Amino acid sequence: MKRVVSATEARIRFGELIRRVVEEGEPVLVERGGKPYVVLLSVEEYERLKAAQKKETWRETVKEILRLGTRIKSRRKGEPLTPPEDIIRELREERDAQLPRLR
């Protein structure tokens, strides 16, 4: 069970609280004006949460890519995508056609 303390108590007993967080692995919720304000966590717990957040971000990115792929396929109605080489060639041709005008 996490410990809950006031901001004043946290200020007065900060050293003791950080020791408990590290040794017992239990977070401390600090309230200000009776409302949750901050949480004291061990570095290990913080790193674990950050790693989990990155995993979720990665998973969400993959899901979004798959959703976009589905939307693109439905808009193209079965027509295959233009190969990247053709797009690059067309862009280069457009650029080369515009170069004489820039001189």
N, C-alpha and C. Protein backbone atom coordinates (compact mmCIF):
# COMPACT_ATOMS: atom_id res chain seq x y z
N MET A 1 0.85 -1.17 0.00
CA MET A 1 0.00 0.00 0.00
C MET A 1 0.90 1.24 0.00
N LYS A 2 0.58 2.21 -0.87
CA LYS A 2 1.42 3.40 -0.93
C LYS A 2 1.15 4.31 0.27
N ARG A 3 2.17 5.01 0.65
CA ARG A 3 2.07 5.94 1.77
C ARG A 3 1.63 7.30 1.23
N VAL A 4 0.79 8.00 1.96
CA VAL A 4 0.32 9.34 1.57
C VAL A 4 0.76 10.31 2.66
N VAL A 5 1.40 11.40 2.23
CA VAL A 5 1.85 12.43 3.18
C VAL A 5 1.51 13.81 2.62
N SER A 6 1.45 14.77 3.51
CA SER A 6 1.24 16.16 3.07
C SER A 6 2.57 16.72 2.55
N ALA A 7 2.49 17.79 1.81
CA ALA A 7 3.70 18.43 1.30
C ALA A 7 4.57 18.92 2.45
N THR A 8 3.96 19.41 3.50
CA THR A 8 4.72 19.87 4.66
C THR A 8 5.46 18.71 5.31
N GLU A 9 4.77 17.60 5.52
CA GLU A 9 5.41 16.42 6.11
C GLU A 9 6.53 15.91 5.20
N ALA A 10 6.31 15.91 3.89
CA ALA A 10 7.34 15.47 2.95
C ALA A 10 8.57 16.35 3.05
N ARG A 11 8.37 17.66 3.19
CA ARG A 11 9.50 18.58 3.31
C ARG A 11 10.28 18.30 4.59
N ILE A 12 9.58 18.09 5.69
CA ILE A 12 10.23 17.87 6.97
C ILE A 12 10.93 16.51 7.01
N ARG A 13 10.32 15.47 6.42
CA ARG A 13 10.84 14.10 6.54
C ARG A 13 11.36 13.56 5.21
N PHE A 14 11.84 14.44 4.34
CA PHE A 14 12.23 14.04 2.99
C PHE A 14 13.27 12.91 2.99
N GLY A 15 14.31 13.04 3.78
CA GLY A 15 15.35 12.01 3.83
C GLY A 15 14.80 10.64 4.20
N GLU A 16 13.94 10.62 5.20
CA GLU A 16 13.33 9.36 5.64
C GLU A 16 12.44 8.78 4.55
N LEU A 17 11.68 9.65 3.87
CA LEU A 17 10.78 9.18 2.82
C LEU A 17 11.55 8.58 1.65
N ILE A 18 12.62 9.23 1.22
CA ILE A 18 13.36 8.67 0.08
C ILE A 18 14.03 7.35 0.47
N ARG A 19 14.47 7.25 1.72
CA ARG A 19 15.05 5.99 2.17
C ARG A 19 14.01 4.87 2.10
N ARG A 20 12.79 5.15 2.56
CA ARG A 20 11.71 4.15 2.54
C ARG A 20 11.36 3.76 1.11
N VAL A 21 11.31 4.75 0.23
CA VAL A 21 10.97 4.47 -1.17
C VAL A 21 12.01 3.51 -1.76
N VAL A 22 13.28 3.76 -1.50
CA VAL A 22 14.33 2.92 -2.07
C VAL A 22 14.38 1.56 -1.38
N GLU A 23 14.37 1.54 -0.07
CA GLU A 23 14.52 0.28 0.66
C GLU A 23 13.29 -0.61 0.59
N GLU A 24 12.11 -0.04 0.67
CA GLU A 24 10.89 -0.84 0.69
C GLU A 24 10.23 -0.93 -0.70
N GLY A 25 10.71 -0.12 -1.63
CA GLY A 25 10.15 -0.15 -2.97
C GLY A 25 8.72 0.34 -3.05
N GLU A 26 8.32 1.12 -2.06
CA GLU A 26 6.94 1.59 -1.99
C GLU A 26 6.88 3.08 -2.33
N PRO A 27 6.08 3.48 -3.33
CA PRO A 27 5.99 4.91 -3.66
C PRO A 27 5.31 5.70 -2.54
N VAL A 28 5.59 6.99 -2.54
CA VAL A 28 4.97 7.89 -1.57
C VAL A 28 4.21 8.96 -2.35
N LEU A 29 2.94 9.09 -2.07
CA LEU A 29 2.10 10.10 -2.70
C LEU A 29 2.13 11.35 -1.81
N VAL A 30 2.48 12.48 -2.41
CA VAL A 30 2.54 13.74 -1.66
C VAL A 30 1.33 14.57 -2.07
N GLU A 31 0.57 14.97 -1.06
CA GLU A 31 -0.62 15.79 -1.31
C GLU A 31 -0.33 17.25 -0.98
N ARG A 32 -0.99 18.11 -1.70
CA ARG A 32 -0.88 19.55 -1.44
C ARG A 32 -2.31 20.08 -1.39
N GLY A 33 -2.67 20.64 -0.27
CA GLY A 33 -4.05 21.11 -0.12
C GLY A 33 -5.04 19.96 -0.14
N GLY A 34 -4.61 18.79 0.30
CA GLY A 34 -5.50 17.63 0.35
C GLY A 34 -5.69 16.92 -0.98
N LYS A 35 -4.98 17.38 -2.03
CA LYS A 35 -5.12 16.76 -3.35
C LYS A 35 -3.79 16.13 -3.76
N PRO A 36 -3.82 14.99 -4.46
CA PRO A 36 -2.58 14.37 -4.93
C PRO A 36 -1.79 15.36 -5.79
N TYR A 37 -0.48 15.45 -5.52
CA TYR A 37 0.34 16.46 -6.21
C TYR A 37 1.52 15.82 -6.93
N VAL A 38 2.34 15.04 -6.22
CA VAL A 38 3.47 14.34 -6.83
C VAL A 38 3.62 12.97 -6.18
N VAL A 39 4.44 12.13 -6.82
CA VAL A 39 4.73 10.80 -6.27
C VAL A 39 6.24 10.63 -6.23
N LEU A 40 6.73 10.14 -5.09
CA LEU A 40 8.15 9.79 -4.98
C LEU A 40 8.30 8.33 -5.37
N LEU A 41 9.18 8.07 -6.35
CA LEU A 41 9.44 6.72 -6.83
C LEU A 41 10.93 6.45 -6.80
N SER A 42 11.30 5.18 -6.70
CA SER A 42 12.71 4.82 -6.84
C SER A 42 13.10 4.99 -8.31
N VAL A 43 14.37 5.14 -8.55
CA VAL A 43 14.87 5.27 -9.93
C VAL A 43 14.52 4.00 -10.72
N GLU A 44 14.64 2.85 -10.08
CA GLU A 44 14.32 1.59 -10.77
C GLU A 44 12.87 1.57 -11.24
N GLU A 45 11.96 1.99 -10.37
CA GLU A 45 10.55 2.00 -10.74
C GLU A 45 10.28 3.01 -11.84
N TYR A 46 10.91 4.17 -11.75
CA TYR A 46 10.76 5.20 -12.78
C TYR A 46 11.24 4.67 -14.14
N GLU A 47 12.41 4.02 -14.17
CA GLU A 47 12.94 3.47 -15.42
C GLU A 47 12.01 2.38 -15.97
N ARG A 48 11.45 1.56 -15.10
CA ARG A 48 10.53 0.52 -15.54
C ARG A 48 9.29 1.15 -16.19
N LEU A 49 8.77 2.20 -15.58
CA LEU A 49 7.59 2.87 -16.15
C LEU A 49 7.91 3.52 -17.49
N LYS A 50 9.08 4.13 -17.59
CA LYS A 50 9.49 4.76 -18.85
C LYS A 50 9.64 3.71 -19.96
N ALA A 51 10.23 2.57 -19.62
CA ALA A 51 10.41 1.49 -20.60
C ALA A 51 9.05 0.97 -21.07
N ALA A 52 8.12 0.81 -20.14
CA ALA A 52 6.78 0.35 -20.50
C ALA A 52 6.08 1.37 -21.39
N GLN A 53 6.29 2.63 -21.11
CA GLN A 53 5.68 3.69 -21.91
C GLN A 53 6.22 3.64 -23.34
N LYS A 54 7.53 3.41 -23.48
CA LYS A 54 8.12 3.33 -24.82
C LYS A 54 7.55 2.14 -25.58
N LYS A 55 7.35 1.02 -24.88
CA LYS A 55 6.77 -0.16 -25.53
C LYS A 55 5.39 0.18 -26.06
N GLU A 56 4.58 0.82 -25.26
CA GLU A 56 3.24 1.17 -25.68
C GLU A 56 3.29 2.14 -26.86
N THR A 57 4.23 3.08 -26.84
CA THR A 57 4.37 4.02 -27.95
C THR A 57 4.71 3.26 -29.23
N TRP A 58 5.61 2.28 -29.12
CA TRP A 58 6.00 1.48 -30.27
C TRP A 58 4.80 0.71 -30.80
N ARG A 59 4.06 0.11 -29.89
CA ARG A 59 2.90 -0.67 -30.31
C ARG A 59 1.85 0.22 -30.98
N GLU A 60 1.64 1.39 -30.41
CA GLU A 60 0.67 2.32 -30.99
C GLU A 60 1.13 2.76 -32.38
N THR A 61 2.42 2.96 -32.57
CA THR A 61 2.95 3.35 -33.88
C THR A 61 2.69 2.27 -34.91
N VAL A 62 2.94 1.01 -34.54
CA VAL A 62 2.69 -0.10 -35.45
C VAL A 62 1.20 -0.17 -35.80
N LYS A 63 0.34 -0.01 -34.79
CA LYS A 63 -1.11 -0.04 -35.05
C LYS A 63 -1.51 1.08 -36.01
N GLU A 64 -0.95 2.26 -35.82
CA GLU A 64 -1.27 3.39 -36.70
C GLU A 64 -0.79 3.14 -38.12
N ILE A 65 0.40 2.56 -38.27
CA ILE A 65 0.91 2.22 -39.61
C ILE A 65 -0.03 1.23 -40.30
N LEU A 66 -0.47 0.23 -39.57
CA LEU A 66 -1.39 -0.76 -40.16
C LEU A 66 -2.73 -0.12 -40.54
N ARG A 67 -3.22 0.79 -39.69
CA ARG A 67 -4.47 1.49 -40.02
C ARG A 67 -4.31 2.34 -41.28
N LEU A 68 -3.17 3.04 -41.38
CA LEU A 68 -2.94 3.86 -42.57
C LEU A 68 -2.81 3.01 -43.82
N GLY A 69 -2.13 1.87 -43.69
CA GLY A 69 -2.01 0.96 -44.83
C GLY A 69 -3.36 0.50 -45.33
N THR A 70 -4.24 0.19 -44.40
CA THR A 70 -5.59 -0.24 -44.75
C THR A 70 -6.34 0.88 -45.46
N ARG A 71 -6.21 2.10 -44.95
CA ARG A 71 -6.89 3.25 -45.59
C ARG A 71 -6.37 3.49 -46.99
N ILE A 72 -5.04 3.41 -47.16
CA ILE A 72 -4.45 3.62 -48.49
C ILE A 72 -4.95 2.56 -49.47
N LYS A 73 -4.97 1.30 -49.05
CA LYS A 73 -5.43 0.22 -49.93
C LYS A 73 -6.89 0.43 -50.32
N SER A 74 -7.72 0.85 -49.37
CA SER A 74 -9.13 1.03 -49.69
C SER A 74 -9.32 2.21 -50.65
N ARG A 75 -8.55 3.25 -50.50
CA ARG A 75 -8.66 4.41 -51.41
C ARG A 75 -8.18 4.07 -52.82
N ARG A 76 -7.18 3.21 -52.92
CA ARG A 76 -6.64 2.85 -54.23
C ARG A 76 -7.46 1.76 -54.91
N LYS A 77 -8.41 1.19 -54.20
CA LYS A 77 -9.34 0.19 -54.74
C LYS A 77 -8.62 -0.93 -55.49
N GLY A 78 -7.59 -1.48 -54.87
CA GLY A 78 -6.88 -2.61 -55.44
C GLY A 78 -5.76 -2.25 -56.40
N GLU A 79 -5.69 -0.99 -56.80
CA GLU A 79 -4.62 -0.57 -57.71
C GLU A 79 -3.30 -0.57 -56.95
N PRO A 80 -2.25 -1.18 -57.52
CA PRO A 80 -0.98 -1.25 -56.79
C PRO A 80 -0.33 0.13 -56.65
N LEU A 81 0.51 0.25 -55.63
CA LEU A 81 1.23 1.50 -55.41
C LEU A 81 2.29 1.69 -56.48
N THR A 82 2.58 2.94 -56.80
CA THR A 82 3.64 3.25 -57.75
C THR A 82 4.98 2.90 -57.11
N PRO A 83 5.84 2.18 -57.84
CA PRO A 83 7.15 1.83 -57.26
C PRO A 83 7.95 3.09 -56.92
N PRO A 84 8.70 3.07 -55.82
CA PRO A 84 9.46 4.24 -55.41
C PRO A 84 10.42 4.74 -56.48
N GLU A 85 10.99 3.79 -57.26
CA GLU A 85 11.94 4.19 -58.31
C GLU A 85 11.27 5.09 -59.35
N ASP A 86 10.01 4.78 -59.67
CA ASP A 86 9.28 5.59 -60.65
C ASP A 86 9.00 6.99 -60.10
N ILE A 87 8.65 7.07 -58.84
CA ILE A 87 8.37 8.37 -58.22
C ILE A 87 9.64 9.21 -58.21
N ILE A 88 10.76 8.61 -57.82
CA ILE A 88 12.04 9.35 -57.78
C ILE A 88 12.41 9.82 -59.18
N ARG A 89 12.25 8.95 -60.20
CA ARG A 89 12.57 9.32 -61.58
C ARG A 89 11.72 10.52 -62.02
N GLU A 90 10.40 10.47 -61.71
CA GLU A 90 9.51 11.57 -62.09
C GLU A 90 9.91 12.87 -61.40
N LEU A 91 10.25 12.79 -60.13
CA LEU A 91 10.67 13.99 -59.40
C LEU A 91 11.94 14.57 -59.99
N ARG A 92 12.88 13.71 -60.35
CA ARG A 92 14.13 14.19 -60.96
C ARG A 92 13.87 14.84 -62.31
N GLU A 93 12.98 14.25 -63.08
CA GLU A 93 12.63 14.83 -64.39
C GLU A 93 12.01 16.22 -64.21
N GLU A 94 11.11 16.36 -63.25
CA GLU A 94 10.51 17.66 -62.97
C GLU A 94 11.57 18.67 -62.55
N ARG A 95 12.46 18.24 -61.67
CA ARG A 95 13.54 19.12 -61.21
C ARG A 95 14.42 19.55 -62.37
N ASP A 96 14.81 18.59 -63.21
CA ASP A 96 15.68 18.90 -64.34
C ASP A 96 15.00 19.84 -65.33
N ALA A 97 13.68 19.69 -65.47
CA ALA A 97 12.94 20.57 -66.37
C ALA A 97 12.89 22.00 -65.82
N GLN A 98 12.93 22.15 -64.51
CA GLN A 98 12.85 23.48 -63.88
C GLN A 98 14.22 24.15 -63.77
N LEU A 99 15.30 23.39 -63.81
CA LEU A 99 16.64 23.96 -63.62
C LEU A 99 16.99 25.02 -64.65
N PRO A 100 16.73 24.84 -65.94
CA PRO A 100 17.10 25.90 -66.90
C PRO A 100 16.42 27.23 -66.58
N ARG A 101 15.22 27.17 -66.03
CA ARG A 101 14.49 28.41 -65.70
C ARG A 101 15.13 29.13 -64.52
N LEU A 102 15.84 28.43 -63.68
CA LEU A 102 16.43 29.04 -62.49
C LEU A 102 17.72 29.77 -62.80
N ARG A 103 18.32 29.55 -63.93
CA ARG A 103 19.61 30.16 -64.27
C ARG A 103 19.45 31.54 -64.80
